[in-house]
Amino acid sequence: MGHEVDTKHAGILVVDDEPANVLLVRKVLTGAGYSNVLTTTDPSRTLDLVIGRKVDLVLLDLNMPHLDGFQVMTRLKSLENPPSVLVLTAQIALEQRLRGLEAGARDYVTKPFEIPELLARVRNLLEAHLLHVHLRDEKAFLETLVDARTRELHDSRLDIIRRLGRAAEFRDNETGLHIIRMSKYSKVLGLRAGMAESDAELLLQASPMHDIGKIGIPDHILLKPGQLTPQEWEIMQTHARIGADLLDDNSAPLLRMARDIALSHHEKWDGSGYPNGLAGEDIPLVGRIVAVADVFDALTSARPYKQAWPVAAAVDFLREQRDRHFQASLVDLFIEELEAVARIRDRHAEPRVAA
């Protein structure tokens, strides 16, 4: 079923240097029911009239002084969405007709014209033009909807991921703001370390699941206020592997990266970390990045069992752990981004608790 278009209210502009021709064409068009007909005998005004008013069709003479029809069509073609052009001319030579079509004309009517023929060509051109405009606008509208839906899905996915991360963090007396801060720190550092924007965005989304394996740690160990025994510490360390197992067997890039982070963010550059004792570049880059971001935020955040470290003290700790806990170059890049880090800390600061 085709679209029906209202041609009678379409904008039509008649351009001819002969006033008598303009009056005749206007009378024919208005007599046929077209209600939005503009005219001019000055071709230099064509562009301004088309831009200033909604014009769908230009009826254009070719042979005009100072600015002929070919020059007018050249100007019209510079518009983002030009109107259709119907040439009205006494020039019937094939060479002239071809030149006009190449310049942008959609159709020709020769002078003197037959009124039924002129009206039929006007109607056909307007129907084609208005359908094209309708489809173009519909396409733009659908693209806007798709963009909005894509952003909605992106935001929903990120919210779900953060909530999954918070489920583990809450068991450890953490807050949801920790995973927001450390994931944003991770993206900043990832970009500085040379990651592509798309990969750094994936890192932002994957890193909140770094400690999801804490879900599998018994409360009497996870929530123990004192120092863990060697046996308890061994159980605590299993959260890295538990998290990786929870995220395993999935081909989605997001979950593959999240698995790598969960498994490797407690590894240390010198090989003294867990669970696999990896060292140097055997540790996935995303794990090395998250290690810096996670430790920095943990140090600078207050918890029921500790005071927040001053930023300067946390930075000193990072420097001390260059080539030990952390990759030295990542520590240096992170410190260079402290202004960006500070903005993130301020935007996602923990709420103040009244004394």
Protein backbone atom coordinates (compact mmCIF):
# COMPACT_ATOMS: atom_id res chain seq x y z
CA MET A 1 0.00 0.00 0.00
CA GLY A 2 1.60 3.27 -1.14
CA HIS A 3 1.96 6.52 0.75
CA GLU A 4 -0.53 9.23 -0.15
CA VAL A 5 0.98 12.69 -0.37
CA ASP A 6 -0.68 16.09 -0.24
CA THR A 7 0.64 17.85 -3.32
CA LYS A 8 -1.83 20.73 -3.18
CA HIS A 9 -0.12 22.29 -0.15
CA ALA A 10 3.40 21.80 -1.45
CA GLY A 11 5.63 24.82 -1.89
CA ILE A 12 6.08 25.86 -5.54
CA LEU A 13 8.34 28.65 -6.79
CA VAL A 14 8.01 30.07 -10.34
CA VAL A 15 11.17 31.78 -11.66
CA ASP A 16 10.93 33.63 -14.98
CA ASP A 17 12.15 37.08 -16.01
CA GLU A 18 8.97 37.71 -18.03
CA PRO A 19 6.15 38.97 -15.74
CA ALA A 20 3.48 37.76 -18.17
CA ASN A 21 4.83 34.19 -18.03
CA VAL A 22 4.96 34.30 -14.23
CA LEU A 23 1.36 35.51 -14.00
CA LEU A 24 0.17 32.83 -16.44
CA VAL A 25 1.87 29.95 -14.65
CA ARG A 26 0.69 31.21 -11.27
CA LYS A 27 -2.90 31.43 -12.53
CA VAL A 28 -2.73 27.88 -13.92
CA LEU A 29 -1.33 26.45 -10.68
CA THR A 30 -3.68 28.28 -8.30
CA GLY A 31 -6.61 27.41 -10.57
CA ALA A 32 -5.65 23.74 -10.20
CA GLY A 33 -5.81 24.04 -6.40
CA TYR A 34 -2.17 24.65 -5.49
CA SER A 35 -2.30 26.98 -2.50
CA ASN A 36 1.37 27.75 -1.83
CA VAL A 37 2.74 29.33 -5.01
CA LEU A 38 5.58 31.87 -4.91
CA THR A 39 6.88 33.81 -7.91
CA THR A 40 9.84 35.98 -8.82
CA THR A 41 11.14 37.67 -11.96
CA ASP A 42 14.59 38.03 -10.41
CA PRO A 43 16.51 34.70 -10.65
CA SER A 44 19.13 35.95 -8.15
CA ARG A 45 16.44 35.72 -5.42
CA THR A 46 15.79 32.01 -6.04
CA LEU A 47 18.16 30.63 -3.43
CA ASP A 48 16.96 33.02 -0.71
CA LEU A 49 13.32 32.20 -1.43
CA VAL A 50 13.97 28.44 -1.36
CA ILE A 51 15.92 28.69 1.90
CA GLY A 52 13.46 31.10 3.53
CA ARG A 53 10.30 29.21 2.54
CA LYS A 54 9.50 25.50 2.28
CA VAL A 55 9.84 25.04 -1.49
CA ASP A 56 9.41 21.54 -2.95
CA LEU A 57 9.37 22.39 -6.66
CA VAL A 58 10.92 25.19 -8.74
CA LEU A 59 9.46 25.95 -12.19
CA LEU A 60 12.44 27.54 -13.87
CA ASP A 61 13.02 29.40 -17.12
CA LEU A 62 16.41 28.86 -18.76
CA ASN A 63 16.95 31.93 -20.87
CA MET A 64 17.22 34.83 -18.38
CA PRO A 65 19.60 37.80 -18.28
CA HIS A 66 22.36 38.15 -15.66
CA LEU A 67 21.67 34.68 -14.16
CA ASP A 68 20.35 31.97 -16.42
CA GLY A 69 18.54 28.80 -15.41
CA PHE A 70 21.70 26.66 -15.52
CA GLN A 71 23.40 28.96 -13.01
CA VAL A 72 20.33 28.90 -10.78
CA MET A 73 20.37 25.08 -10.77
CA THR A 74 24.05 25.11 -9.84
CA ARG A 75 23.21 27.24 -6.82
CA LEU A 76 20.29 25.00 -5.85
CA LYS A 77 22.50 21.91 -5.94
CA SER A 78 24.59 23.42 -3.14
CA LEU A 79 21.66 22.97 -0.74
CA GLU A 80 21.56 19.97 1.55
CA ASN A 81 18.01 19.06 0.47
CA PRO A 82 17.32 20.90 -2.80
CA PRO A 83 13.85 21.10 -4.33
CA SER A 84 12.98 19.40 -7.59
CA VAL A 85 13.31 21.52 -10.74
CA LEU A 86 10.91 21.59 -13.70
CA VAL A 87 12.33 23.58 -16.60
CA LEU A 88 9.97 25.76 -18.61
CA THR A 89 11.71 26.83 -21.82
CA ALA A 90 11.30 27.53 -25.48
CA GLN A 91 14.69 25.89 -26.11
CA ILE A 92 13.96 22.45 -27.48
CA ALA A 93 17.40 21.46 -28.81
CA LEU A 94 18.54 18.06 -27.50
CA GLU A 95 21.89 19.50 -26.40
CA GLN A 96 20.15 22.10 -24.22
CA ARG A 97 17.76 19.53 -22.72
CA LEU A 98 20.62 17.22 -21.84
CA ARG A 99 22.59 20.07 -20.33
CA GLY A 100 19.61 20.99 -18.18
CA LEU A 101 19.11 17.42 -16.96
CA GLU A 102 22.79 17.16 -16.09
CA ALA A 103 22.54 20.47 -14.21
CA GLY A 104 19.79 19.07 -11.99
CA ALA A 105 16.46 19.45 -13.82
CA ARG A 106 14.01 16.57 -13.23
CA ASP A 107 11.76 17.29 -16.20
CA TYR A 108 11.05 19.68 -19.08
CA VAL A 109 7.99 21.47 -20.42
CA THR A 110 8.42 23.43 -23.64
CA LYS A 111 6.84 26.82 -24.26
CA PRO A 112 4.17 27.40 -25.29
CA PHE A 113 2.89 24.61 -23.02
CA GLU A 114 -0.35 22.71 -22.84
CA ILE A 115 -1.97 23.24 -19.44
CA PRO A 116 -2.91 19.56 -18.84
CA GLU A 117 0.67 18.51 -19.63
CA LEU A 118 2.14 21.13 -17.28
CA LEU A 119 -0.18 20.13 -14.44
CA ALA A 120 0.54 16.43 -14.95
CA ARG A 121 4.31 16.98 -14.82
CA VAL A 122 3.97 19.24 -11.76
CA ARG A 123 1.87 16.61 -10.00
CA ASN A 124 4.28 13.77 -10.85
CA LEU A 125 7.35 15.69 -9.74
CA LEU A 126 5.71 16.80 -6.49
CA GLU A 127 4.55 13.25 -5.67
CA ALA A 128 8.05 11.88 -6.26
CA HIS A 129 9.72 14.68 -4.32
CA LEU A 130 7.35 14.53 -1.34
CA LEU A 131 7.67 10.75 -1.11
CA HIS A 132 11.45 11.13 -1.14
CA VAL A 133 11.23 13.73 1.64
CA HIS A 134 8.90 11.48 3.63
CA LEU A 135 11.24 8.50 3.32
CA ARG A 136 14.26 10.65 4.18
CA ASP A 137 12.56 12.04 7.28
CA GLU A 138 11.34 8.59 8.27
CA LYS A 139 14.87 7.20 7.90
CA ALA A 140 16.29 10.02 10.04
CA PHE A 141 13.60 9.40 12.66
CA LEU A 142 14.33 5.67 12.73
CA GLU A 143 18.06 6.33 13.01
CA THR A 144 17.37 8.61 15.98
CA LEU A 145 15.28 5.88 17.59
CA VAL A 146 18.00 3.28 16.97
CA ASP A 147 20.66 5.59 18.46
CA ALA A 148 18.49 6.23 21.52
CA ARG A 149 17.75 2.51 21.94
CA THR A 150 21.44 1.63 21.55
CA ARG A 151 22.36 4.15 24.23
CA GLU A 152 19.58 2.82 26.46
CA LEU A 153 20.84 -0.75 26.04
CA HIS A 154 24.42 0.39 26.69
CA ASP A 155 23.38 2.21 29.87
CA SER A 156 21.21 -0.69 31.01
CA ARG A 157 24.02 -3.17 30.47
CA LEU A 158 26.47 -1.01 32.38
CA ASP A 159 23.95 -0.58 35.21
CA ILE A 160 23.38 -4.35 35.43
CA ILE A 161 27.13 -5.00 35.44
CA ARG A 162 27.69 -2.46 38.21
CA ARG A 163 24.86 -3.96 40.24
CA LEU A 164 26.42 -7.42 39.87
CA GLY A 165 29.70 -5.96 41.06
CA ARG A 166 27.99 -4.25 43.97
CA ALA A 167 26.39 -7.55 45.03
CA ALA A 168 29.89 -8.81 45.81
CA GLU A 169 31.17 -5.50 47.16
CA PHE A 170 28.31 -5.11 49.63
CA ARG A 171 29.22 -8.40 51.23
CA ASP A 172 32.66 -6.95 51.91
CA ASN A 173 31.36 -3.70 53.44
CA GLU A 174 32.19 -1.88 50.24
CA THR A 175 29.95 0.63 48.45
CA GLY A 176 28.79 0.77 44.87
CA LEU A 177 30.75 3.98 44.44
CA HIS A 178 34.03 2.07 44.73
CA ILE A 179 33.39 0.10 41.56
CA ILE A 180 32.26 3.22 39.70
CA ARG A 181 35.42 5.10 40.65
CA MET A 182 37.85 2.27 39.98
CA SER A 183 36.21 1.41 36.64
CA LYS A 184 36.49 5.04 35.53
CA TYR A 185 40.11 5.17 36.74
CA SER A 186 40.72 2.01 34.72
CA LYS A 187 39.36 3.59 31.55
CA VAL A 188 41.50 6.71 32.02
CA LEU A 189 44.60 4.59 32.54
CA GLY A 190 43.70 2.25 29.68
CA LEU A 191 43.52 5.15 27.25
CA ARG A 192 46.86 6.53 28.47
CA ALA A 193 48.38 3.06 28.08
CA GLY A 194 47.41 3.04 24.40
CA MET A 195 44.14 1.15 24.37
CA ALA A 196 41.69 1.97 21.61
CA GLU A 197 38.63 3.95 22.70
CA SER A 198 36.40 0.91 22.13
CA ASP A 199 38.63 -1.34 24.24
CA ALA A 200 38.88 1.26 27.01
CA GLU A 201 35.07 1.53 27.01
CA LEU A 202 34.89 -2.25 27.30
CA LEU A 203 37.30 -2.03 30.23
CA LEU A 204 35.00 0.51 31.90
CA GLN A 205 32.14 -1.96 31.60
CA ALA A 206 34.05 -5.14 32.51
CA SER A 207 36.08 -3.94 35.50
CA PRO A 208 33.12 -3.61 37.93
CA MET A 209 33.01 -7.43 37.99
CA HIS A 210 36.62 -7.74 39.19
CA ASP A 211 35.66 -9.05 42.66
CA ILE A 212 32.44 -10.86 41.77
CA GLY A 213 34.02 -14.07 43.05
CA LYS A 214 33.65 -12.75 46.63
CA ILE A 215 30.09 -14.06 46.39
CA GLY A 216 31.59 -17.51 46.93
CA ILE A 217 33.62 -16.67 50.06
CA PRO A 218 32.05 -17.64 53.41
CA ASP A 219 30.97 -14.73 55.60
CA HIS A 220 33.11 -15.78 58.55
CA ILE A 221 36.18 -15.22 56.35
CA LEU A 222 35.04 -12.36 54.12
CA LEU A 223 33.68 -10.32 57.03
CA LYS A 224 36.25 -11.27 59.66
CA PRO A 225 37.38 -8.04 61.40
CA GLY A 226 40.79 -9.36 62.43
CA GLN A 227 43.71 -10.85 60.56
CA LEU A 228 43.04 -13.99 58.55
CA THR A 229 44.80 -17.24 59.38
CA PRO A 230 46.94 -18.79 56.62
CA GLN A 231 44.13 -21.25 55.88
CA GLU A 232 41.53 -18.48 55.76
CA TRP A 233 43.74 -16.36 53.51
CA GLU A 234 44.08 -19.32 51.15
CA ILE A 235 40.29 -19.52 50.94
CA MET A 236 40.01 -15.75 50.45
CA GLN A 237 42.37 -15.92 47.50
CA THR A 238 40.05 -18.33 45.72
CA HIS A 239 37.66 -15.46 44.96
CA ALA A 240 39.75 -14.62 41.89
CA ARG A 241 39.28 -18.10 40.43
CA ILE A 242 35.63 -18.26 41.52
CA GLY A 243 34.99 -14.99 39.69
CA ALA A 244 36.71 -16.28 36.56
CA ASP A 245 34.66 -19.47 36.68
CA LEU A 246 31.43 -17.49 37.02
CA LEU A 247 32.32 -15.51 33.89
CA ASP A 248 33.80 -18.37 31.90
CA ASP A 249 32.49 -20.16 28.80
CA ASN A 250 31.13 -17.07 27.10
CA SER A 251 32.25 -15.68 23.75
CA ALA A 252 31.06 -12.11 24.38
CA PRO A 253 34.09 -9.74 24.41
CA LEU A 254 32.76 -8.01 27.52
CA LEU A 255 32.56 -11.20 29.58
CA ARG A 256 35.87 -12.51 28.23
CA MET A 257 37.57 -9.30 29.40
CA ALA A 258 35.71 -9.43 32.72
CA ARG A 259 36.94 -13.00 33.23
CA ASP A 260 40.55 -11.96 32.55
CA ILE A 261 40.24 -9.11 35.03
CA ALA A 262 38.63 -11.23 37.75
CA LEU A 263 41.37 -13.85 37.40
CA SER A 264 44.40 -11.58 37.12
CA HIS A 265 43.86 -8.32 39.02
CA HIS A 266 45.56 -9.74 42.14
CA GLU A 267 48.63 -10.89 40.22
CA LYS A 268 51.75 -8.81 40.83
CA TRP A 269 54.39 -7.61 38.41
CA ASP A 270 57.14 -9.44 40.32
CA GLY A 271 55.24 -12.75 40.32
CA SER A 272 54.28 -12.74 44.02
CA GLY A 273 50.54 -12.34 43.45
CA TYR A 274 47.72 -14.87 43.13
CA PRO A 275 46.09 -17.11 41.98
CA ASN A 276 48.65 -18.18 39.36
CA GLY A 277 51.81 -16.31 40.34
CA LEU A 278 52.03 -14.66 36.92
CA ALA A 279 54.74 -12.04 36.39
CA GLY A 280 55.39 -9.12 34.04
CA GLU A 281 53.58 -9.11 30.74
CA ASP A 282 52.25 -12.62 31.30
CA ILE A 283 49.61 -10.78 33.34
CA PRO A 284 46.88 -9.50 30.97
CA LEU A 285 47.12 -5.75 30.45
CA VAL A 286 43.58 -5.24 31.74
CA GLY A 287 44.50 -7.03 34.97
CA ARG A 288 47.59 -4.84 35.41
CA ILE A 289 45.52 -1.69 34.84
CA VAL A 290 42.72 -2.67 37.22
CA ALA A 291 45.28 -3.58 39.90
CA VAL A 292 46.54 0.02 39.97
CA ALA A 293 43.05 1.55 39.89
CA ASP A 294 41.62 -0.84 42.48
CA VAL A 295 44.44 -0.46 45.02
CA PHE A 296 44.51 3.34 44.67
CA ASP A 297 40.78 3.63 45.32
CA ALA A 298 40.92 1.15 48.20
CA LEU A 299 43.73 3.14 49.85
CA THR A 300 42.04 6.53 49.44
CA SER A 301 38.60 5.35 50.61
CA ALA A 302 37.47 5.20 54.25
CA ARG A 303 36.15 1.87 55.50
CA PRO A 304 34.71 0.79 58.86
CA TYR A 305 38.07 -0.79 59.66
CA LYS A 306 40.38 1.99 58.37
CA GLN A 307 40.76 5.68 57.63
CA ALA A 308 41.19 6.93 54.07
CA TRP A 309 44.79 7.55 53.08
CA PRO A 310 45.69 11.00 51.78
CA VAL A 311 46.17 10.98 48.02
CA ALA A 312 49.86 11.86 48.45
CA ALA A 313 50.40 8.83 50.69
CA ALA A 314 48.60 6.56 48.22
CA VAL A 315 50.74 7.93 45.38
CA ASP A 316 53.88 7.28 47.43
CA PHE A 317 52.72 3.69 47.93
CA LEU A 318 52.19 3.25 44.19
CA ARG A 319 55.70 4.59 43.55
CA GLU A 320 57.18 2.23 46.16
CA GLN A 321 55.48 -0.70 44.45
CA ARG A 322 56.78 0.07 40.94
CA ASP A 323 58.18 -3.15 39.43
CA ARG A 324 56.97 -5.03 42.51
CA HIS A 325 53.19 -5.01 42.77
CA PHE A 326 52.60 -2.83 39.70
CA GLN A 327 54.05 -2.30 36.25
CA ALA A 328 56.22 0.80 36.62
CA SER A 329 55.06 2.49 33.41
CA LEU A 330 51.39 2.14 34.41
CA VAL A 331 52.10 3.73 37.79
CA ASP A 332 53.81 6.66 36.03
CA LEU A 333 50.91 7.12 33.61
CA PHE A 334 48.37 6.93 36.43
CA ILE A 335 50.20 9.63 38.38
CA GLU A 336 50.26 11.82 35.27
CA GLU A 337 46.45 11.53 35.17
CA LEU A 338 45.87 12.55 38.80
CA GLU A 339 43.83 15.61 37.75
CA ALA A 340 41.39 13.37 35.87
CA VAL A 341 41.41 10.93 38.78
CA ALA A 342 40.61 13.77 41.21
CA ARG A 343 37.62 14.83 39.11
CA ILE A 344 36.28 11.28 39.19
CA ARG A 345 36.82 11.06 42.97
CA ASP A 346 34.95 14.33 43.51
CA ARG A 347 32.07 13.35 41.21
CA HIS A 348 31.61 9.94 42.85
CA ALA A 349 32.65 10.73 46.44
CA GLU A 350 31.31 8.70 49.33
CA PRO A 351 28.40 10.42 51.14
CA ARG A 352 29.40 12.18 54.32
CA VAL A 353 28.22 10.42 57.46
CA ALA A 354 27.13 12.70 60.30
CA ALA A 355 29.17 12.24 63.48
